[in-house]
Amino acid sequence: MKSGHHQAVAMVMEAESELFRIALESDEAQIAFMKFLEKKTKG
């Protein structure tokens, strides 16, 4: 039972990791990163 639960959690984590990677590559994320870095260099 624990093994099955562990495998299910691992599969969900893998899927979430892929979705997070896709989100990081979005135009919105790139703009947010640029704005963040601009603030860091000004301050």
PDB file of N, CA and C in Angstrom:
ATOM      1  N   MET A   1       0.821  -1.192   0.000  1.00  0.00           N
ATOM      2  CA  MET A   1       0.000   0.000   0.000  1.00  0.00           C
ATOM      3  C   MET A   1       0.870   1.262   0.000  1.00  0.00           C
ATOM      4  N   LYS A   2       1.896   1.293   0.825  1.00  0.00           N
ATOM      5  CA  LYS A   2       2.773   2.463   0.850  1.00  0.00           C
ATOM      6  C   LYS A   2       3.476   2.648  -0.483  1.00  0.00           C
ATOM      7  N   SER A   3       3.866   1.550  -1.101  1.00  0.00           N
ATOM      8  CA  SER A   3       4.562   1.630  -2.385  1.00  0.00           C
ATOM      9  C   SER A   3       3.669   2.270  -3.443  1.00  0.00           C
ATOM     10  N   GLY A   4       2.410   1.886  -3.474  1.00  0.00           N
ATOM     11  CA  GLY A   4       1.470   2.462  -4.430  1.00  0.00           C
ATOM     12  C   GLY A   4       1.252   3.936  -4.179  1.00  0.00           C
ATOM     13  N   HIS A   5       1.166   4.303  -2.919  1.00  0.00           N
ATOM     14  CA  HIS A   5       0.988   5.710  -2.555  1.00  0.00           C
ATOM     15  C   HIS A   5       2.217   6.518  -2.966  1.00  0.00           C
ATOM     16  N   HIS A   6       3.390   5.967  -2.713  1.00  0.00           N
ATOM     17  CA  HIS A   6       4.640   6.643  -3.079  1.00  0.00           C
ATOM     18  C   HIS A   6       4.707   6.852  -4.588  1.00  0.00           C
ATOM     19  N   GLN A   7       4.319   5.850  -5.345  1.00  0.00           N
ATOM     20  CA  GLN A   7       4.355   5.944  -6.802  1.00  0.00           C
ATOM     21  C   GLN A   7       3.369   7.007  -7.290  1.00  0.00           C
ATOM     22  N   ALA A   8       2.178   7.056  -6.685  1.00  0.00           N
ATOM     23  CA  ALA A   8       1.184   8.050  -7.084  1.00  0.00           C
ATOM     24  C   ALA A   8       1.689   9.462  -6.797  1.00  0.00           C
ATOM     25  N   VAL A   9       2.296   9.647  -5.637  1.00  0.00           N
ATOM     26  CA  VAL A   9       2.840  10.965  -5.284  1.00  0.00           C
ATOM     27  C   VAL A   9       3.950  11.351  -6.256  1.00  0.00           C
ATOM     28  N   ALA A  10       4.807  10.412  -6.584  1.00  0.00           N
ATOM     29  CA  ALA A  10       5.899  10.681  -7.519  1.00  0.00           C
ATOM     30  C   ALA A  10       5.360  11.080  -8.891  1.00  0.00           C
ATOM     31  N   MET A  11       4.291  10.434  -9.331  1.00  0.00           N
ATOM     32  CA  MET A  11       3.702  10.760 -10.634  1.00  0.00           C
ATOM     33  C   MET A  11       3.107  12.167 -10.619  1.00  0.00           C
ATOM     34  N   VAL A  12       2.427  12.528  -9.535  1.00  0.00           N
ATOM     35  CA  VAL A  12       1.845  13.867  -9.427  1.00  0.00           C
ATOM     36  C   VAL A  12       2.949  14.916  -9.402  1.00  0.00           C
ATOM     37  N   MET A  13       4.001  14.652  -8.646  1.00  0.00           N
ATOM     38  CA  MET A  13       5.119  15.599  -8.577  1.00  0.00           C
ATOM     39  C   MET A  13       5.760  15.788  -9.946  1.00  0.00           C
ATOM     40  N   GLU A  14       5.891  14.726 -10.696  1.00  0.00           N
ATOM     41  CA  GLU A  14       6.475  14.821 -12.035  1.00  0.00           C
ATOM     42  C   GLU A  14       5.589  15.661 -12.945  1.00  0.00           C
ATOM     43  N   ALA A  15       4.276  15.442 -12.879  1.00  0.00           N
ATOM     44  CA  ALA A  15       3.344  16.207 -13.707  1.00  0.00           C
ATOM     45  C   ALA A  15       3.371  17.684 -13.319  1.00  0.00           C
ATOM     46  N   GLU A  16       3.383  17.969 -12.023  1.00  0.00           N
ATOM     47  CA  GLU A  16       3.423  19.357 -11.570  1.00  0.00           C
ATOM     48  C   GLU A  16       4.727  20.034 -11.964  1.00  0.00           C
ATOM     49  N   SER A  17       5.801  19.296 -11.938  1.00  0.00           N
ATOM     50  CA  SER A  17       7.094  19.835 -12.337  1.00  0.00           C
ATOM     51  C   SER A  17       7.067  20.251 -13.805  1.00  0.00           C
ATOM     52  N   GLU A  18       6.462  19.426 -14.628  1.00  0.00           N
ATOM     53  CA  GLU A  18       6.364  19.740 -16.060  1.00  0.00           C
ATOM     54  C   GLU A  18       5.499  20.979 -16.274  1.00  0.00           C
ATOM     55  N   LEU A  19       4.381  21.074 -15.569  1.00  0.00           N
ATOM     56  CA  LEU A  19       3.514  22.247 -15.700  1.00  0.00           C
ATOM     57  C   LEU A  19       4.230  23.515 -15.234  1.00  0.00           C
ATOM     58  N   PHE A  20       5.000  23.407 -14.168  1.00  0.00           N
ATOM     59  CA  PHE A  20       5.762  24.547 -13.658  1.00  0.00           C
ATOM     60  C   PHE A  20       6.805  24.984 -14.681  1.00  0.00           C
ATOM     61  N   ARG A  21       7.473  24.026 -15.300  1.00  0.00           N
ATOM     62  CA  ARG A  21       8.474  24.342 -16.325  1.00  0.00           C
ATOM     63  C   ARG A  21       7.824  25.093 -17.485  1.00  0.00           C
ATOM     64  N   ILE A  22       6.658  24.632 -17.909  1.00  0.00           N
ATOM     65  CA  ILE A  22       5.943  25.291 -19.003  1.00  0.00           C
ATOM     66  C   ILE A  22       5.559  26.713 -18.596  1.00  0.00           C
ATOM     67  N   ALA A  23       5.083  26.874 -17.360  1.00  0.00           N
ATOM     68  CA  ALA A  23       4.686  28.196 -16.875  1.00  0.00           C
ATOM     69  C   ALA A  23       5.876  29.147 -16.841  1.00  0.00           C
ATOM     70  N   LEU A  24       7.037  28.649 -16.459  1.00  0.00           N
ATOM     71  CA  LEU A  24       8.231  29.495 -16.393  1.00  0.00           C
ATOM     72  C   LEU A  24       8.655  30.002 -17.765  1.00  0.00           C
ATOM     73  N   GLU A  25       8.285  29.276 -18.798  1.00  0.00           N
ATOM     74  CA  GLU A  25       8.667  29.666 -20.152  1.00  0.00           C
ATOM     75  C   GLU A  25       7.649  30.594 -20.807  1.00  0.00           C
ATOM     76  N   SER A  26       6.556  30.905 -20.112  1.00  0.00           N
ATOM     77  CA  SER A  26       5.509  31.738 -20.696  1.00  0.00           C
ATOM     78  C   SER A  26       5.980  33.187 -20.830  1.00  0.00           C
ATOM     79  N   ASP A  27       5.321  33.914 -21.710  1.00  0.00           N
ATOM     80  CA  ASP A  27       5.644  35.329 -21.896  1.00  0.00           C
ATOM     81  C   ASP A  27       5.430  36.110 -20.601  1.00  0.00           C
ATOM     82  N   GLU A  28       4.348  35.780 -19.882  1.00  0.00           N
ATOM     83  CA  GLU A  28       4.054  36.471 -18.630  1.00  0.00           C
ATOM     84  C   GLU A  28       5.183  36.285 -17.622  1.00  0.00           C
ATOM     85  N   ALA A  29       5.702  35.082 -17.524  1.00  0.00           N
ATOM     86  CA  ALA A  29       6.792  34.807 -16.586  1.00  0.00           C
ATOM     87  C   ALA A  29       8.051  35.558 -16.997  1.00  0.00           C
ATOM     88  N   GLN A  30       8.343  35.585 -18.275  1.00  0.00           N
ATOM     89  CA  GLN A  30       9.533  36.284 -18.746  1.00  0.00           C
ATOM     90  C   GLN A  30       9.453  37.774 -18.426  1.00  0.00           C
ATOM     91  N   ILE A  31       8.283  38.362 -18.617  1.00  0.00           N
ATOM     92  CA  ILE A  31       8.098  39.783 -18.302  1.00  0.00           C
ATOM     93  C   ILE A  31       8.279  40.021 -16.803  1.00  0.00           C
ATOM     94  N   ALA A  32       7.696  39.150 -15.997  1.00  0.00           N
ATOM     95  CA  ALA A  32       7.819  39.287 -14.541  1.00  0.00           C
ATOM     96  C   ALA A  32       9.274  39.178 -14.105  1.00  0.00           C
ATOM     97  N   PHE A  33      10.017  38.253 -14.685  1.00  0.00           N
ATOM     98  CA  PHE A  33      11.434  38.097 -14.342  1.00  0.00           C
ATOM     99  C   PHE A  33      12.223  39.349 -14.715  1.00  0.00           C
ATOM    100  N   MET A  34      11.933  39.888 -15.896  1.00  0.00           N
ATOM    101  CA  MET A  34      12.643  41.086 -16.335  1.00  0.00           C
ATOM    102  C   MET A  34      12.368  42.258 -15.390  1.00  0.00           C
ATOM    103  N   LYS A  35      11.102  42.432 -15.001  1.00  0.00           N
ATOM    104  CA  LYS A  35      10.751  43.517 -14.084  1.00  0.00           C
ATOM    105  C   LYS A  35      11.436  43.324 -12.737  1.00  0.00           C
ATOM    106  N   PHE A  36      11.480  42.100 -12.263  1.00  0.00           N
ATOM    107  CA  PHE A  36      12.134  41.803 -10.993  1.00  0.00           C
ATOM    108  C   PHE A  36      13.615  42.151 -11.063  1.00  0.00           C
ATOM    109  N   LEU A  37      14.261  41.748 -12.138  1.00  0.00           N
ATOM    110  CA  LEU A  37      15.691  42.014 -12.279  1.00  0.00           C
ATOM    111  C   LEU A  37      15.971  43.505 -12.426  1.00  0.00           C
ATOM    112  N   GLU A  38      15.075  44.227 -13.108  1.00  0.00           N
ATOM    113  CA  GLU A  38      15.243  45.673 -13.236  1.00  0.00           C
ATOM    114  C   GLU A  38      15.204  46.341 -11.869  1.00  0.00           C
ATOM    115  N   LYS A  39      14.287  45.909 -11.008  1.00  0.00           N
ATOM    116  CA  LYS A  39      14.191  46.474  -9.660  1.00  0.00           C
ATOM    117  C   LYS A  39      15.444  46.162  -8.855  1.00  0.00           C
ATOM    118  N   LYS A  40      15.974  44.964  -9.019  1.00  0.00           N
ATOM    119  CA  LYS A  40      17.169  44.558  -8.280  1.00  0.00           C
ATOM    120  C   LYS A  40      18.376  45.403  -8.675  1.00  0.00           C
ATOM    121  N   THR A  41      18.500  45.744  -9.958  1.00  0.00           N
ATOM    122  CA  THR A  41      19.663  46.500 -10.415  1.00  0.00           C
ATOM    123  C   THR A  41      19.541  47.981 -10.066  1.00  0.00           C
ATOM    124  N   LYS A  42      18.313  48.477  -9.915  1.00  0.00           N
ATOM    125  CA  LYS A  42      18.111  49.883  -9.553  1.00  0.00           C
ATOM    126  C   LYS A  42      18.357  50.119  -8.073  1.00  0.00           C
ATOM    127  N   GLY A  43      18.011  49.128  -7.246  1.00  0.00           N
ATOM    128  CA  GLY A  43      18.000  49.323  -5.804  1.00  0.00           C
ATOM    129  C   GLY A  43      19.263  49.077  -5.142  1.00  0.00           C
TER     130      GLY A  43
END
